[in-house]
Amino acid sequence: MLGIVGSVLLLLCLLQIKHLFADFFLQTHKMLSGRNVYLHSGRAQHAGVHALGSVVAFVIMGAPVGFILAICLAEWVVHFHIDYGKAQYTEKRHLNPQQAVFWRAMGTDQCLHQLTYIAMTAVWVKCAIG
């Protein structure tokens, strides 16, 4: 048995691996274009890929189905809005990868996603331990 610390680290690792693939390997052109439009189906799909990856992580961890559905729906909403915020910021300022401020926006976006995973893990621990 892993114990609580081992379980937390395993879940965080699974969420990190999921994030790597969902954010950097599985994004399509549709997901990347037009992201500054709020009701963008590509961003909704991208957030859905993240949520589905988290479903897999929580299934591996043995979380209950109701918990998985609730936490992954919440992640979908949060991810959708973090990405929208970054898109709005970068589009309004016409930022590109040659500018330092672009990378600050990218880093802030990634930090917010990582903090989301810490929050999701904390909720899982609270629900698993009580």
Protein backbone atom coordinates (compact mmCIF):
# COMPACT_ATOMS: atom_id res chain seq x y z
CA MET A 1 0.00 0.00 0.00
CA LEU A 2 1.28 3.45 -0.92
CA GLY A 3 0.03 5.37 2.09
CA ILE A 4 -1.43 8.84 1.82
CA VAL A 5 1.80 10.61 0.82
CA GLY A 6 2.54 8.05 -1.88
CA SER A 7 -1.04 8.26 -3.14
CA VAL A 8 -0.91 12.05 -3.30
CA LEU A 9 2.38 11.96 -5.20
CA LEU A 10 1.05 9.32 -7.58
CA LEU A 11 -2.09 11.34 -8.30
CA LEU A 12 -0.07 14.52 -8.86
CA CYS A 13 2.26 12.62 -11.22
CA LEU A 14 -0.71 11.23 -13.17
CA LEU A 15 -2.19 14.71 -13.48
CA GLN A 16 1.19 16.11 -14.62
CA ILE A 17 1.54 13.46 -17.32
CA LYS A 18 -2.04 14.04 -18.41
CA HIS A 19 -1.37 17.78 -18.59
CA LEU A 20 1.73 17.30 -20.71
CA PHE A 21 -0.16 15.26 -23.29
CA ALA A 22 -3.39 17.29 -23.26
CA ASP A 23 -1.67 20.69 -23.46
CA PHE A 24 1.28 19.94 -25.72
CA PHE A 25 0.67 16.79 -27.79
CA LEU A 26 -3.09 16.45 -28.29
CA GLN A 27 -4.13 19.98 -29.24
CA THR A 28 -5.51 20.28 -32.75
CA HIS A 29 -5.52 23.31 -35.01
CA LYS A 30 -9.19 23.85 -34.14
CA MET A 31 -8.32 23.88 -30.43
CA LEU A 32 -5.58 26.46 -30.95
CA SER A 33 -7.27 28.88 -33.38
CA GLY A 34 -9.80 31.52 -32.41
CA ARG A 35 -9.24 31.06 -28.70
CA ASN A 36 -10.07 34.66 -27.84
CA VAL A 37 -13.75 33.99 -28.65
CA TYR A 38 -15.55 33.01 -25.44
CA LEU A 39 -17.85 30.29 -26.83
CA HIS A 40 -15.08 28.57 -28.74
CA SER A 41 -15.78 24.89 -29.45
CA GLY A 42 -12.08 24.13 -29.84
CA ARG A 43 -11.34 25.41 -26.33
CA ALA A 44 -14.31 23.39 -25.03
CA GLN A 45 -12.85 20.29 -26.70
CA HIS A 46 -9.40 21.04 -25.30
CA ALA A 47 -10.79 21.39 -21.77
CA GLY A 48 -12.67 18.14 -22.42
CA VAL A 49 -9.44 16.33 -23.26
CA HIS A 50 -8.07 17.54 -19.92
CA ALA A 51 -11.18 16.40 -18.07
CA LEU A 52 -11.09 12.96 -19.72
CA GLY A 53 -7.44 12.58 -18.81
CA SER A 54 -8.28 13.42 -15.22
CA VAL A 55 -11.07 10.83 -15.29
CA VAL A 56 -8.42 8.24 -16.13
CA ALA A 57 -6.15 9.47 -13.31
CA PHE A 58 -8.93 9.32 -10.72
CA VAL A 59 -10.10 5.90 -11.94
CA ILE A 60 -6.54 4.63 -11.46
CA MET A 61 -6.67 6.06 -7.92
CA GLY A 62 -9.94 4.24 -7.23
CA ALA A 63 -12.06 7.34 -6.67
CA PRO A 64 -15.86 6.93 -6.64
CA VAL A 65 -17.70 7.64 -9.89
CA GLY A 66 -19.72 10.56 -8.46
CA PHE A 67 -16.56 12.21 -7.19
CA ILE A 68 -14.83 11.72 -10.54
CA LEU A 69 -17.70 13.28 -12.47
CA ALA A 70 -17.94 16.28 -10.14
CA ILE A 71 -14.20 17.03 -9.91
CA CYS A 72 -13.63 16.59 -13.64
CA LEU A 73 -16.60 18.79 -14.54
CA ALA A 74 -15.17 21.45 -12.22
CA GLU A 75 -11.77 21.05 -13.88
CA TRP A 76 -13.38 21.47 -17.31
CA VAL A 77 -14.95 24.78 -16.24
CA VAL A 78 -11.74 26.06 -14.61
CA HIS A 79 -9.49 24.98 -17.49
CA PHE A 80 -11.83 26.55 -20.05
CA HIS A 81 -11.71 29.89 -18.24
CA ILE A 82 -7.97 29.91 -17.51
CA ASP A 83 -7.29 29.35 -21.20
CA TYR A 84 -9.84 31.99 -22.19
CA GLY A 85 -8.17 34.50 -19.88
CA LYS A 86 -4.77 33.81 -21.39
CA ALA A 87 -6.15 34.05 -24.92
CA GLN A 88 -7.82 37.37 -24.17
CA TYR A 89 -4.65 38.75 -22.61
CA THR A 90 -2.33 37.64 -25.40
CA GLU A 91 -4.67 38.56 -28.27
CA LYS A 92 -5.47 42.07 -27.01
CA ARG A 93 -1.75 42.78 -26.65
CA HIS A 94 -0.81 41.02 -29.92
CA LEU A 95 1.78 38.95 -28.07
CA ASN A 96 4.06 36.45 -29.75
CA PRO A 97 6.75 34.02 -28.55
CA GLN A 98 9.50 36.55 -29.26
CA GLN A 99 8.26 38.76 -26.42
CA ALA A 100 9.06 38.17 -22.76
CA VAL A 101 5.53 39.14 -21.73
CA PHE A 102 4.18 36.27 -23.86
CA TRP A 103 6.19 33.82 -21.77
CA ARG A 104 5.03 35.45 -18.54
CA ALA A 105 1.45 34.91 -19.71
CA MET A 106 2.28 31.32 -20.65
CA GLY A 107 3.93 30.71 -17.29
CA THR A 108 0.99 32.21 -15.41
CA ASP A 109 -1.40 30.00 -17.39
CA GLN A 110 0.64 26.89 -16.59
CA CYS A 111 0.95 27.86 -12.91
CA LEU A 112 -2.81 28.26 -12.62
CA HIS A 113 -3.32 24.81 -14.15
CA GLN A 114 -0.82 23.28 -11.72
CA LEU A 115 -2.55 24.98 -8.78
CA THR A 116 -5.81 23.48 -10.07
CA TYR A 117 -4.24 20.01 -9.80
CA ILE A 118 -3.10 20.71 -6.25
CA ALA A 119 -6.64 21.82 -5.37
CA MET A 120 -8.14 18.73 -7.04
CA THR A 121 -5.73 16.52 -5.11
CA ALA A 122 -6.57 18.30 -1.84
CA VAL A 123 -10.29 17.72 -2.45
CA TRP A 124 -9.60 14.07 -3.23
CA VAL A 125 -7.60 13.67 0.00
CA LYS A 126 -10.37 15.38 1.98
CA CYS A 127 -13.00 13.09 0.48
CA ALA A 128 -10.87 9.95 0.74
CA ILE A 129 -9.83 10.50 4.36
CA GLY A 130 -12.79 12.52 5.58
